[in-house]
C-alpha atoms as a PDB file:
ATOM      1  CA  MET A   1      56.160 214.945 105.284  1.00  0.00           C
ATOM      2  CA  ALA A   2      58.237 214.159 102.212  1.00  0.00           C
ATOM      3  CA  ALA A   3      59.349 217.787 101.939  1.00  0.00           C
ATOM      4  CA  GLU A   4      60.670 217.453 105.511  1.00  0.00           C
ATOM      5  CA  GLY A   5      62.723 214.422 104.463  1.00  0.00           C
ATOM      6  CA  CYS A   6      60.552 211.581 105.746  1.00  0.00           C
ATOM      7  CA  ASP A   7      60.484 208.228 104.008  1.00  0.00           C
ATOM      8  CA  LEU A   8      56.844 207.267 103.621  1.00  0.00           C
ATOM      9  CA  VAL A   9      54.436 204.394 103.500  1.00  0.00           C
ATOM     10  CA  ILE A  10      51.167 205.611 102.016  1.00  0.00           C
ATOM     11  CA  GLY A  11      47.920 203.694 101.966  1.00  0.00           C
ATOM     12  CA  ALA A  12      44.552 203.922 100.245  1.00  0.00           C
ATOM     13  CA  ARG A  13      42.047 201.636  98.528  1.00  0.00           C
ATOM     14  CA  SER A  14      42.981 202.565  94.966  1.00  0.00           C
ATOM     15  CA  ALA A  15      46.243 200.763  94.266  1.00  0.00           C
ATOM     16  CA  ASP A  16      46.814 202.336  90.836  1.00  0.00           C
ATOM     17  CA  ASP A  17      46.284 205.910  92.011  1.00  0.00           C
ATOM     18  CA  LEU A  18      48.435 205.187  95.054  1.00  0.00           C
ATOM     19  CA  ALA A  19      51.329 203.918  92.931  1.00  0.00           C
ATOM     20  CA  THR A  20      51.158 207.026  90.738  1.00  0.00           C
ATOM     21  CA  LEU A  21      51.172 209.298  93.778  1.00  0.00           C
ATOM     22  CA  ALA A  22      54.115 207.423  95.315  1.00  0.00           C
ATOM     23  CA  GLY A  23      56.151 207.952  92.162  1.00  0.00           C
ATOM     24  CA  GLU A  24      55.321 211.663  92.048  1.00  0.00           C
ATOM     25  CA  ILE A  25      56.275 212.208  95.703  1.00  0.00           C
ATOM     26  CA  ALA A  26      59.523 210.261  95.406  1.00  0.00           C
ATOM     27  CA  ALA A  27      60.547 212.159  92.278  1.00  0.00           C
ATOM     28  CA  ALA A  28      59.723 215.545  93.775  1.00  0.00           C
ATOM     29  CA  HIS A  29      61.419 215.079  97.155  1.00  0.00           C
ATOM     30  CA  GLY A  30      64.020 212.322  96.805  1.00  0.00           C
ATOM     31  CA  VAL A  31      62.595 210.119  99.554  1.00  0.00           C
ATOM     32  CA  ASN A  32      61.514 206.500  99.580  1.00  0.00           C
ATOM     33  CA  VAL A  33      57.741 206.066  99.183  1.00  0.00           C
ATOM     34  CA  GLU A  34      56.116 202.662  99.530  1.00  0.00           C
ATOM     35  CA  PRO A  35      52.483 202.395  98.372  1.00  0.00           C
ATOM     36  CA  LEU A  36      50.399 199.778 100.171  1.00  0.00           C
ATOM     37  CA  ALA A  37      46.719 199.191  99.506  1.00  0.00           C
ATOM     38  CA  ILE A  38      44.498 199.363 102.586  1.00  0.00           C
ATOM     39  CA  ASP A  39      40.769 199.432 103.213  1.00  0.00           C
ATOM     40  CA  MET A  40      40.093 200.889 106.668  1.00  0.00           C
ATOM     41  CA  GLY A  41      36.715 199.147 106.746  1.00  0.00           C
ATOM     42  CA  ASP A  42      38.306 195.701 106.395  1.00  0.00           C
ATOM     43  CA  LEU A  43      40.252 194.557 109.458  1.00  0.00           C
ATOM     44  CA  ALA A  44      42.119 191.900 107.464  1.00  0.00           C
ATOM     45  CA  SER A  45      43.336 194.648 105.131  1.00  0.00           C
ATOM     46  CA  VAL A  46      44.321 196.832 108.091  1.00  0.00           C
ATOM     47  CA  ASP A  47      46.290 193.995 109.648  1.00  0.00           C
ATOM     48  CA  GLY A  48      47.982 193.229 106.337  1.00  0.00           C
ATOM     49  CA  PHE A  49      49.075 196.848 106.040  1.00  0.00           C
ATOM     50  CA  ALA A  50      50.351 196.855 109.631  1.00  0.00           C
ATOM     51  CA  ASP A  51      52.216 193.580 109.097  1.00  0.00           C
ATOM     52  CA  ALA A  52      54.051 195.031 106.101  1.00  0.00           C
ATOM     53  CA  VAL A  53      55.001 198.216 107.963  1.00  0.00           C
ATOM     54  CA  ILE A  54      56.225 196.309 111.011  1.00  0.00           C
ATOM     55  CA  ALA A  55      58.225 193.898 108.842  1.00  0.00           C
ATOM     56  CA  ALA A  56      59.970 196.885 107.244  1.00  0.00           C
ATOM     57  CA  GLY A  57      60.986 198.284 110.643  1.00  0.00           C
ATOM     58  CA  GLY A  58      57.848 199.917 111.967  1.00  0.00           C
ATOM     59  CA  ALA A  59      56.549 203.483 111.895  1.00  0.00           C
ATOM     60  CA  ASP A  60      57.849 206.497 113.782  1.00  0.00           C
ATOM     61  CA  ILE A  61      54.881 208.637 112.710  1.00  0.00           C
ATOM     62  CA  LEU A  62      51.336 207.447 112.069  1.00  0.00           C
ATOM     63  CA  VAL A  63      48.839 209.745 110.390  1.00  0.00           C
ATOM     64  CA  ASN A  64      45.324 208.316 110.487  1.00  0.00           C
ATOM     65  CA  ASN A  65      43.184 209.901 107.774  1.00  0.00           C
ATOM     66  CA  GLY A  66      40.133 208.003 106.579  1.00  0.00           C
ATOM     67  CA  GLY A  67      37.153 208.860 104.456  1.00  0.00           C
ATOM     68  CA  GLY A  68      33.865 210.253 105.663  1.00  0.00           C
ATOM     69  CA  PRO A  69      30.341 208.825 105.670  1.00  0.00           C
ATOM     70  CA  PRO A  70      27.472 209.768 103.398  1.00  0.00           C
ATOM     71  CA  PRO A  71      25.720 212.973 104.504  1.00  0.00           C
ATOM     72  CA  SER A  72      22.672 212.398 106.711  1.00  0.00           C
ATOM     73  CA  GLY A  73      20.730 213.680 109.668  1.00  0.00           C
ATOM     74  CA  ALA A  74      20.716 211.977 113.045  1.00  0.00           C
ATOM     75  CA  LEU A  75      17.498 210.011 112.506  1.00  0.00           C
ATOM     76  CA  GLY A  76      16.534 207.434 109.922  1.00  0.00           C
ATOM     77  CA  VAL A  77      20.011 206.049 109.193  1.00  0.00           C
ATOM     78  CA  ALA A  78      19.965 202.300 108.600  1.00  0.00           C
ATOM     79  CA  PRO A  79      21.772 200.225 111.253  1.00  0.00           C
ATOM     80  CA  GLU A  80      23.918 198.654 108.535  1.00  0.00           C
ATOM     81  CA  VAL A  81      25.199 202.094 107.520  1.00  0.00           C
ATOM     82  CA  TRP A  82      26.125 202.836 111.130  1.00  0.00           C
ATOM     83  CA  ARG A  83      27.886 199.479 111.369  1.00  0.00           C
ATOM     84  CA  GLN A  84      29.861 199.937 108.149  1.00  0.00           C
ATOM     85  CA  GLN A  85      30.940 203.434 109.069  1.00  0.00           C
ATOM     86  CA  PHE A  86      31.903 202.393 112.606  1.00  0.00           C
ATOM     87  CA  GLU A  87      34.205 199.746 111.175  1.00  0.00           C
ATOM     88  CA  ALA A  88      35.764 202.105 108.625  1.00  0.00           C
ATOM     89  CA  MET A  89      35.958 205.325 110.635  1.00  0.00           C
ATOM     90  CA  MET A  90      36.580 204.085 114.160  1.00  0.00           C
ATOM     91  CA  LEU A  91      37.467 200.411 114.473  1.00  0.00           C
ATOM     92  CA  GLY A  92      39.968 200.478 111.601  1.00  0.00           C
ATOM     93  CA  VAL A  93      41.726 203.521 113.055  1.00  0.00           C
ATOM     94  CA  ILE A  94      41.872 201.946 116.502  1.00  0.00           C
ATOM     95  CA  ARG A  95      43.226 198.681 115.101  1.00  0.00           C
ATOM     96  CA  LEU A  96      45.952 200.296 112.998  1.00  0.00           C
ATOM     97  CA  THR A  97      47.025 202.466 115.927  1.00  0.00           C
ATOM     98  CA  ASP A  98      47.010 199.455 118.251  1.00  0.00           C
ATOM     99  CA  ARG A  99      49.328 197.574 115.877  1.00  0.00           C
ATOM    100  CA  LEU A 100      51.885 200.336 115.254  1.00  0.00           C
ATOM    101  CA  VAL A 101      52.188 202.129 118.603  1.00  0.00           C
ATOM    102  CA  PRO A 102      53.953 199.279 120.480  1.00  0.00           C
ATOM    103  CA  GLY A 103      56.992 199.688 118.220  1.00  0.00           C
ATOM    104  CA  MET A 104      57.068 203.398 118.963  1.00  0.00           C
ATOM    105  CA  ARG A 105      57.010 202.690 122.692  1.00  0.00           C
ATOM    106  CA  GLU A 106      59.903 200.249 122.355  1.00  0.00           C
ATOM    107  CA  ARG A 107      61.949 202.857 120.478  1.00  0.00           C
ATOM    108  CA  ARG A 108      60.927 205.536 123.017  1.00  0.00           C
ATOM    109  CA  TRP A 109      59.766 207.945 120.306  1.00  0.00           C
ATOM    110  CA  GLY A 110      56.664 208.256 118.209  1.00  0.00           C
ATOM    111  CA  ARG A 111      53.891 210.451 116.902  1.00  0.00           C
ATOM    112  CA  VAL A 112      50.253 209.546 116.314  1.00  0.00           C
ATOM    113  CA  LEU A 113      48.163 212.111 114.441  1.00  0.00           C
ATOM    114  CA  THR A 114      44.520 211.513 113.631  1.00  0.00           C
ATOM    115  CA  VAL A 115      42.589 213.718 111.245  1.00  0.00           C
ATOM    116  CA  ALA A 116      39.084 214.301 112.602  1.00  0.00           C
ATOM    117  CA  SER A 117      36.705 217.160 111.836  1.00  0.00           C
ATOM    118  CA  SER A 118      35.468 220.417 113.310  1.00  0.00           C
ATOM    119  CA  GLY A 119      32.296 218.397 113.945  1.00  0.00           C
ATOM    120  CA  VAL A 120      33.859 216.845 117.043  1.00  0.00           C
ATOM    121  CA  VAL A 121      33.721 220.289 118.672  1.00  0.00           C
ATOM    122  CA  GLN A 122      30.789 221.905 116.889  1.00  0.00           C
ATOM    123  CA  PRO A 123      28.460 219.362 115.192  1.00  0.00           C
ATOM    124  CA  ILE A 124      28.003 219.857 111.456  1.00  0.00           C
ATOM    125  CA  PRO A 125      24.453 219.649 110.045  1.00  0.00           C
ATOM    126  CA  THR A 126      23.900 216.698 107.669  1.00  0.00           C
ATOM    127  CA  LEU A 127      26.956 214.886 109.063  1.00  0.00           C
ATOM    128  CA  ALA A 128      25.498 213.124 112.102  1.00  0.00           C
ATOM    129  CA  ILE A 129      27.420 209.885 111.518  1.00  0.00           C
ATOM    130  CA  SER A 130      30.717 211.720 111.245  1.00  0.00           C
ATOM    131  CA  ASN A 131      30.000 213.883 114.292  1.00  0.00           C
ATOM    132  CA  ALA A 132      29.264 210.826 116.437  1.00  0.00           C
ATOM    133  CA  LEU A 133      31.998 208.431 115.317  1.00  0.00           C
ATOM    134  CA  ARG A 134      34.824 210.941 115.076  1.00  0.00           C
ATOM    135  CA  ALA A 135      34.027 212.126 118.601  1.00  0.00           C
ATOM    136  CA  GLY A 136      34.533 208.550 119.761  1.00  0.00           C
ATOM    137  CA  VAL A 137      37.905 208.416 118.009  1.00  0.00           C
ATOM    138  CA  VAL A 138      38.943 211.648 119.752  1.00  0.00           C
ATOM    139  CA  LEU A 139      38.201 210.167 123.182  1.00  0.00           C
ATOM    140  CA  PHE A 140      40.115 206.997 122.311  1.00  0.00           C
ATOM    141  CA  MET A 141      43.135 209.071 121.292  1.00  0.00           C
ATOM    142  CA  LYS A 142      42.874 211.242 124.410  1.00  0.00           C
ATOM    143  CA  THR A 143      42.903 208.098 126.566  1.00  0.00           C
ATOM    144  CA  LEU A 144      45.838 206.651 124.629  1.00  0.00           C
ATOM    145  CA  ALA A 145      47.814 209.888 124.998  1.00  0.00           C
ATOM    146  CA  GLY A 146      47.876 209.463 128.767  1.00  0.00           C
ATOM    147  CA  GLU A 147      48.993 205.854 128.509  1.00  0.00           C
ATOM    148  CA  VAL A 148      52.005 206.373 126.231  1.00  0.00           C
ATOM    149  CA  ALA A 149      53.237 209.885 127.079  1.00  0.00           C
ATOM    150  CA  ALA A 150      55.990 208.654 129.396  1.00  0.00           C
ATOM    151  CA  ASP A 151      57.349 206.521 126.540  1.00  0.00           C
ATOM    152  CA  GLY A 152      58.065 209.524 124.321  1.00  0.00           C
ATOM    153  CA  VAL A 153      54.976 208.992 122.163  1.00  0.00           C
ATOM    154  CA  THR A 154      52.600 211.886 121.589  1.00  0.00           C
ATOM    155  CA  VAL A 155      49.017 211.434 120.424  1.00  0.00           C
ATOM    156  CA  ASN A 156      47.069 214.328 118.951  1.00  0.00           C
ATOM    157  CA  VAL A 157      43.994 214.979 116.838  1.00  0.00           C
ATOM    158  CA  VAL A 158      43.837 217.606 114.110  1.00  0.00           C
ATOM    159  CA  ALA A 159      40.388 219.020 113.391  1.00  0.00           C
ATOM    160  CA  PRO A 160      40.037 220.704 110.005  1.00  0.00           C
ATOM    161  CA  GLY A 161      37.400 223.325 109.450  1.00  0.00           C
ATOM    162  CA  ARG A 162      36.418 224.242 105.911  1.00  0.00           C
ATOM    163  CA  ILE A 163      39.484 223.044 104.009  1.00  0.00           C
ATOM    164  CA  TRP A 164      38.684 223.143 100.292  1.00  0.00           C
ATOM    165  CA  THR A 165      38.677 219.593  98.935  1.00  0.00           C
ATOM    166  CA  GLU A 166      36.290 217.373  96.984  1.00  0.00           C
ATOM    167  CA  ARG A 167      34.779 216.392 100.332  1.00  0.00           C
ATOM    168  CA  THR A 168      33.979 220.036 101.063  1.00  0.00           C
ATOM    169  CA  ASP A 169      32.220 220.301  97.724  1.00  0.00           C
ATOM    170  CA  GLN A 170      30.218 217.165  98.568  1.00  0.00           C
ATOM    171  CA  ILE A 171      29.075 218.622 101.879  1.00  0.00           C
ATOM    172  CA  ASP A 172      28.161 221.932 100.244  1.00  0.00           C
ATOM    173  CA  ALA A 173      26.137 220.075  97.631  1.00  0.00           C
ATOM    174  CA  ALA A 174      24.263 218.139 100.338  1.00  0.00           C
ATOM    175  CA  ASN A 175      23.462 221.353 102.195  1.00  0.00           C
ATOM    176  CA  ALA A 176      22.326 222.968  98.923  1.00  0.00           C
ATOM    177  CA  ASP A 177      19.922 220.106  98.279  1.00  0.00           C
ATOM    178  CA  ARG A 178      18.619 220.205 101.838  1.00  0.00           C
ATOM    179  CA  GLN A 179      18.014 223.960 101.810  1.00  0.00           C
ATOM    180  CA  GLY A 180      16.908 224.348  98.203  1.00  0.00           C
ATOM    181  CA  LEU A 181      19.736 226.752  97.358  1.00  0.00           C
ATOM    182  CA  SER A 182      22.574 226.774  94.852  1.00  0.00           C
ATOM    183  CA  GLN A 183      25.949 225.372  95.834  1.00  0.00           C
ATOM    184  CA  ASP A 184      27.536 228.787  95.225  1.00  0.00           C
ATOM    185  CA  GLU A 185      25.118 230.376  97.684  1.00  0.00           C
ATOM    186  CA  ILE A 186      25.854 227.712 100.270  1.00  0.00           C
ATOM    187  CA  ARG A 187      29.581 228.331  99.818  1.00  0.00           C
ATOM    188  CA  LYS A 188      29.127 232.084 100.270  1.00  0.00           C
ATOM    189  CA  ARG A 189      27.142 231.554 103.461  1.00  0.00           C
ATOM    190  CA  SER A 190      29.749 229.127 104.763  1.00  0.00           C
ATOM    191  CA  ILE A 191      32.603 231.537 104.075  1.00  0.00           C
ATOM    192  CA  ALA A 192      30.676 234.244 105.914  1.00  0.00           C
ATOM    193  CA  THR A 193      31.025 232.156 109.106  1.00  0.00           C
ATOM    194  CA  ILE A 194      34.827 232.008 108.812  1.00  0.00           C
ATOM    195  CA  PRO A 195      36.628 235.070 110.244  1.00  0.00           C
ATOM    196  CA  VAL A 196      39.534 234.577 107.829  1.00  0.00           C
ATOM    197  CA  GLY A 197      37.004 235.016 105.008  1.00  0.00           C
ATOM    198  CA  ARG A 198      37.806 231.970 102.863  1.00  0.00           C
ATOM    199  CA  TYR A 199      38.150 228.220 102.866  1.00  0.00           C
ATOM    200  CA  GLY A 200      41.481 226.852 104.045  1.00  0.00           C
ATOM    201  CA  LYS A 201      44.123 225.340 101.795  1.00  0.00           C
ATOM    202  CA  VAL A 202      45.263 221.736 102.048  1.00  0.00           C
ATOM    203  CA  GLU A 203      48.849 222.974 102.403  1.00  0.00           C
ATOM    204  CA  GLU A 204      47.905 225.075 105.431  1.00  0.00           C
ATOM    205  CA  PHE A 205      46.392 222.066 107.133  1.00  0.00           C
ATOM    206  CA  ALA A 206      49.355 219.845 106.259  1.00  0.00           C
ATOM    207  CA  ALA A 207      51.796 222.320 107.801  1.00  0.00           C
ATOM    208  CA  VAL A 208      50.099 221.955 111.188  1.00  0.00           C
ATOM    209  CA  VAL A 209      50.210 218.166 110.947  1.00  0.00           C
ATOM    210  CA  CYS A 210      53.932 218.284 110.141  1.00  0.00           C
ATOM    211  CA  PHE A 211      54.624 220.509 113.137  1.00  0.00           C
ATOM    212  CA  LEU A 212      52.850 218.125 115.502  1.00  0.00           C
ATOM    213  CA  ALA A 213      54.784 215.225 113.984  1.00  0.00           C
ATOM    214  CA  GLY A 214      58.142 216.851 114.671  1.00  0.00           C
ATOM    215  CA  ALA A 215      60.535 217.039 117.609  1.00  0.00           C
ATOM    216  CA  PRO A 216      59.590 220.645 118.564  1.00  0.00           C
ATOM    217  CA  ALA A 217      56.066 219.446 119.478  1.00  0.00           C
ATOM    218  CA  ALA A 218      57.296 216.913 122.051  1.00  0.00           C
ATOM    219  CA  PHE A 219      55.310 218.577 124.867  1.00  0.00           C
ATOM    220  CA  VAL A 220      52.021 218.662 122.963  1.00  0.00           C
ATOM    221  CA  THR A 221      49.897 215.567 123.501  1.00  0.00           C
ATOM    222  CA  GLY A 222      46.251 214.707 124.063  1.00  0.00           C
ATOM    223  CA  HIS A 223      45.300 217.829 122.148  1.00  0.00           C
ATOM    224  CA  VAL A 224      42.645 218.576 119.535  1.00  0.00           C
ATOM    225  CA  MET A 225      44.247 221.143 117.230  1.00  0.00           C
ATOM    226  CA  ARG A 226      41.770 223.206 115.228  1.00  0.00           C
ATOM    227  CA  VAL A 227      42.724 224.393 111.761  1.00  0.00           C
ATOM    228  CA  ASP A 228      39.566 226.295 110.948  1.00  0.00           C
ATOM    229  CA  GLY A 229      40.260 229.973 110.268  1.00  0.00           C
ATOM    230  CA  GLY A 230      38.451 230.851 113.503  1.00  0.00           C
ATOM    231  CA  MET A 231      35.186 229.192 112.441  1.00  0.00           C
ATOM    232  CA  ILE A 232      34.562 227.331 115.717  1.00  0.00           C
ATOM    233  CA  ARG A 233      33.304 229.910 118.179  1.00  0.00           C
ATOM    234  CA  SER A 234      33.669 228.009 121.445  1.00  0.00           C
ATOM    235  CA  VAL A 235      36.750 228.327 123.612  1.00  0.00           C
END
């Protein structure tokens, strides 16, 4: 986004890391970058973040990108874990979107992008919580897309496949433990399911998000865009 000339507000729980990142982005791209701490699992924190953004003039583009839950199967997950993850992964996203979209509608232009997972199309083993909650977020965004389209606001979901990050390593490690194999072997087997023959790069995923956030994508809304190297087999 910064490389495209956007001024940014970036949010995360770690204020120190966020401030460092803001300085690096501003220096590299010559844009304004405001770091604001936010915990998506704390509605007071979400509202505080939204208040600050609205006070500064609002957001033209919102990219929702929260953390994922601990790996698990579908059964045996404590109700408290479900509740915590619902608040962080679903309710926080809905609340932040609910706060910032009205300004977009007033200005007759806006973009809402939500990062989900390939699990919303093809469930991922050991990620039952993510599969369930992110699917709910997708349906919320699909409903919202129909409500705000006539106001010049598009709403889309981007579903990454195997994009190589620390989170990918965590999932591979969980699968290795579950299957009694090495993490390298799990990675090889995972890559074998991807027609492109490798994990994706963060930059490749980001490029798709930037396209959907731009003016040329004005007729794309209510869509789940896969960035998965062909991994998901369904149409």
